[in-house]
């Protein structure tokens, strides 16, 4: 709720809403992509030992 109320103060138009949604989607995509890279790198050494 706090995040939504903060966005209501910043986003005033439909275009700003679309741009904010796009930006949030990019951030989530990058976060998920980096998560996959970090996990695969950390597990790679363990699997090589086995």
N, C-alpha and C. Protein backbone atom coordinates (compact mmCIF):
# COMPACT_ATOMS: atom_id res chain seq x y z
N UNK A 1 0.81 -1.20 0.00
CA UNK A 1 0.00 0.00 0.00
C UNK A 1 0.86 1.26 0.00
N UNK A 2 1.94 1.25 0.73
CA UNK A 2 2.79 2.44 0.79
C UNK A 2 3.40 2.72 -0.58
N UNK A 3 3.82 1.67 -1.26
CA UNK A 3 4.41 1.84 -2.59
C UNK A 3 3.39 2.40 -3.57
N UNK A 4 2.18 1.92 -3.51
CA UNK A 4 1.12 2.40 -4.40
C UNK A 4 0.82 3.86 -4.13
N UNK A 5 0.75 4.23 -2.87
CA UNK A 5 0.49 5.63 -2.53
C UNK A 5 1.62 6.53 -2.99
N UNK A 6 2.85 6.05 -2.93
CA UNK A 6 3.99 6.82 -3.42
C UNK A 6 3.92 7.01 -4.92
N UNK A 7 3.52 5.96 -5.64
CA UNK A 7 3.39 6.07 -7.09
C UNK A 7 2.25 6.99 -7.50
N UNK A 8 1.19 7.03 -6.72
CA UNK A 8 0.07 7.91 -7.04
C UNK A 8 0.50 9.38 -7.03
N UNK A 9 1.47 9.70 -6.17
CA UNK A 9 1.95 11.09 -6.10
C UNK A 9 2.82 11.44 -7.30
N UNK A 10 3.53 10.46 -7.85
CA UNK A 10 4.47 10.72 -8.94
C UNK A 10 3.80 10.59 -10.30
N UNK A 11 3.02 9.54 -10.49
CA UNK A 11 2.43 9.23 -11.80
C UNK A 11 1.10 9.97 -11.94
N UNK A 12 1.05 10.83 -12.94
CA UNK A 12 -0.14 11.67 -13.13
C UNK A 12 -0.89 11.36 -14.43
N UNK A 13 -0.24 10.70 -15.38
CA UNK A 13 -0.90 10.47 -16.66
C UNK A 13 -0.83 9.00 -17.06
N UNK A 14 -1.57 8.67 -18.09
CA UNK A 14 -1.58 7.30 -18.59
C UNK A 14 -0.21 6.93 -19.17
N UNK A 15 0.43 7.87 -19.83
CA UNK A 15 1.75 7.61 -20.41
C UNK A 15 2.78 7.35 -19.32
N UNK A 16 2.76 8.12 -18.26
CA UNK A 16 3.68 7.89 -17.15
C UNK A 16 3.43 6.53 -16.52
N UNK A 17 2.19 6.13 -16.46
CA UNK A 17 1.84 4.82 -15.92
C UNK A 17 2.42 3.70 -16.78
N UNK A 18 2.31 3.83 -18.09
CA UNK A 18 2.86 2.83 -19.00
C UNK A 18 4.38 2.77 -18.90
N UNK A 19 5.03 3.92 -18.82
CA UNK A 19 6.49 3.95 -18.71
C UNK A 19 6.96 3.35 -17.39
N UNK A 20 6.24 3.62 -16.31
CA UNK A 20 6.60 3.05 -15.02
C UNK A 20 6.42 1.54 -15.02
N UNK A 21 5.37 1.06 -15.67
CA UNK A 21 5.15 -0.38 -15.78
C UNK A 21 6.25 -1.04 -16.59
N UNK A 22 6.65 -0.41 -17.68
CA UNK A 22 7.73 -0.93 -18.51
C UNK A 22 9.03 -0.98 -17.72
N UNK A 23 9.35 0.10 -17.01
CA UNK A 23 10.59 0.15 -16.23
C UNK A 23 10.60 -0.92 -15.15
N UNK A 24 9.49 -1.11 -14.49
CA UNK A 24 9.41 -2.14 -13.46
C UNK A 24 9.59 -3.53 -14.07
N UNK A 25 9.03 -3.75 -15.24
CA UNK A 25 9.22 -5.03 -15.92
C UNK A 25 10.67 -5.28 -16.28
N UNK A 26 11.38 -4.25 -16.72
CA UNK A 26 12.80 -4.39 -17.04
C UNK A 26 13.60 -4.72 -15.79
N UNK A 27 13.30 -4.05 -14.69
CA UNK A 27 14.01 -4.31 -13.43
C UNK A 27 13.79 -5.74 -12.97
N UNK A 28 12.57 -6.22 -13.04
CA UNK A 28 12.28 -7.59 -12.62
C UNK A 28 12.97 -8.58 -13.54
N UNK A 29 12.99 -8.32 -14.84
CA UNK A 29 13.66 -9.21 -15.79
C UNK A 29 15.15 -9.29 -15.49
N UNK A 30 15.79 -8.15 -15.27
CA UNK A 30 17.22 -8.13 -14.98
C UNK A 30 17.51 -8.84 -13.67
N UNK A 31 16.67 -8.64 -12.67
CA UNK A 31 16.86 -9.30 -11.38
C UNK A 31 16.78 -10.81 -11.54
N UNK A 32 15.81 -11.30 -12.27
CA UNK A 32 15.67 -12.75 -12.49
C UNK A 32 16.85 -13.29 -13.30
N UNK A 33 17.29 -12.56 -14.30
CA UNK A 33 18.41 -13.00 -15.13
C UNK A 33 19.69 -13.08 -14.31
N UNK A 34 19.96 -12.06 -13.49
CA UNK A 34 21.16 -12.08 -12.66
C UNK A 34 21.08 -13.17 -11.60
N UNK A 35 19.89 -13.47 -11.12
CA UNK A 35 19.72 -14.55 -10.16
C UNK A 35 20.14 -15.88 -10.79
N UNK A 36 19.71 -16.13 -12.02
CA UNK A 36 20.10 -17.37 -12.71
C UNK A 36 21.61 -17.44 -12.89
N UNK A 37 22.23 -16.34 -13.25
CA UNK A 37 23.68 -16.34 -13.44
C UNK A 37 24.41 -16.59 -12.13
N UNK A 38 23.95 -15.98 -11.05
CA UNK A 38 24.62 -16.15 -9.75
C UNK A 38 24.48 -17.57 -9.24
N UNK A 39 23.32 -18.15 -9.36
CA UNK A 39 23.10 -19.52 -8.88
C UNK A 39 23.91 -20.50 -9.71
N UNK A 40 23.89 -20.35 -11.01
CA UNK A 40 24.63 -21.30 -11.85
C UNK A 40 26.13 -21.21 -11.61
N UNK A 41 26.65 -20.02 -11.38
CA UNK A 41 28.07 -19.86 -11.11
C UNK A 41 28.45 -20.46 -9.77
N UNK A 42 27.63 -20.29 -8.77
CA UNK A 42 27.96 -20.81 -7.45
C UNK A 42 27.82 -22.32 -7.37
N UNK A 43 26.92 -22.90 -8.13
CA UNK A 43 26.69 -24.35 -8.08
C UNK A 43 27.66 -25.10 -9.00
N UNK A 44 28.21 -24.42 -9.97
CA UNK A 44 29.08 -25.06 -10.95
C UNK A 44 30.27 -25.75 -10.28
N UNK A 45 30.91 -25.10 -9.31
CA UNK A 45 32.07 -25.67 -8.63
C UNK A 45 31.68 -26.92 -7.85
N UNK A 46 30.52 -26.91 -7.24
CA UNK A 46 30.07 -28.07 -6.48
C UNK A 46 29.85 -29.27 -7.40
N UNK A 47 29.25 -29.05 -8.53
CA UNK A 47 28.98 -30.14 -9.46
C UNK A 47 30.26 -30.68 -10.10
N UNK A 48 31.23 -29.83 -10.28
CA UNK A 48 32.50 -30.29 -10.86
C UNK A 48 33.24 -31.21 -9.89
N UNK A 49 33.10 -30.96 -8.59
CA UNK A 49 33.75 -31.81 -7.60
C UNK A 49 33.16 -33.20 -7.58
N UNK A 50 31.87 -33.30 -7.86
CA UNK A 50 31.20 -34.60 -7.83
C UNK A 50 31.50 -35.33 -9.10
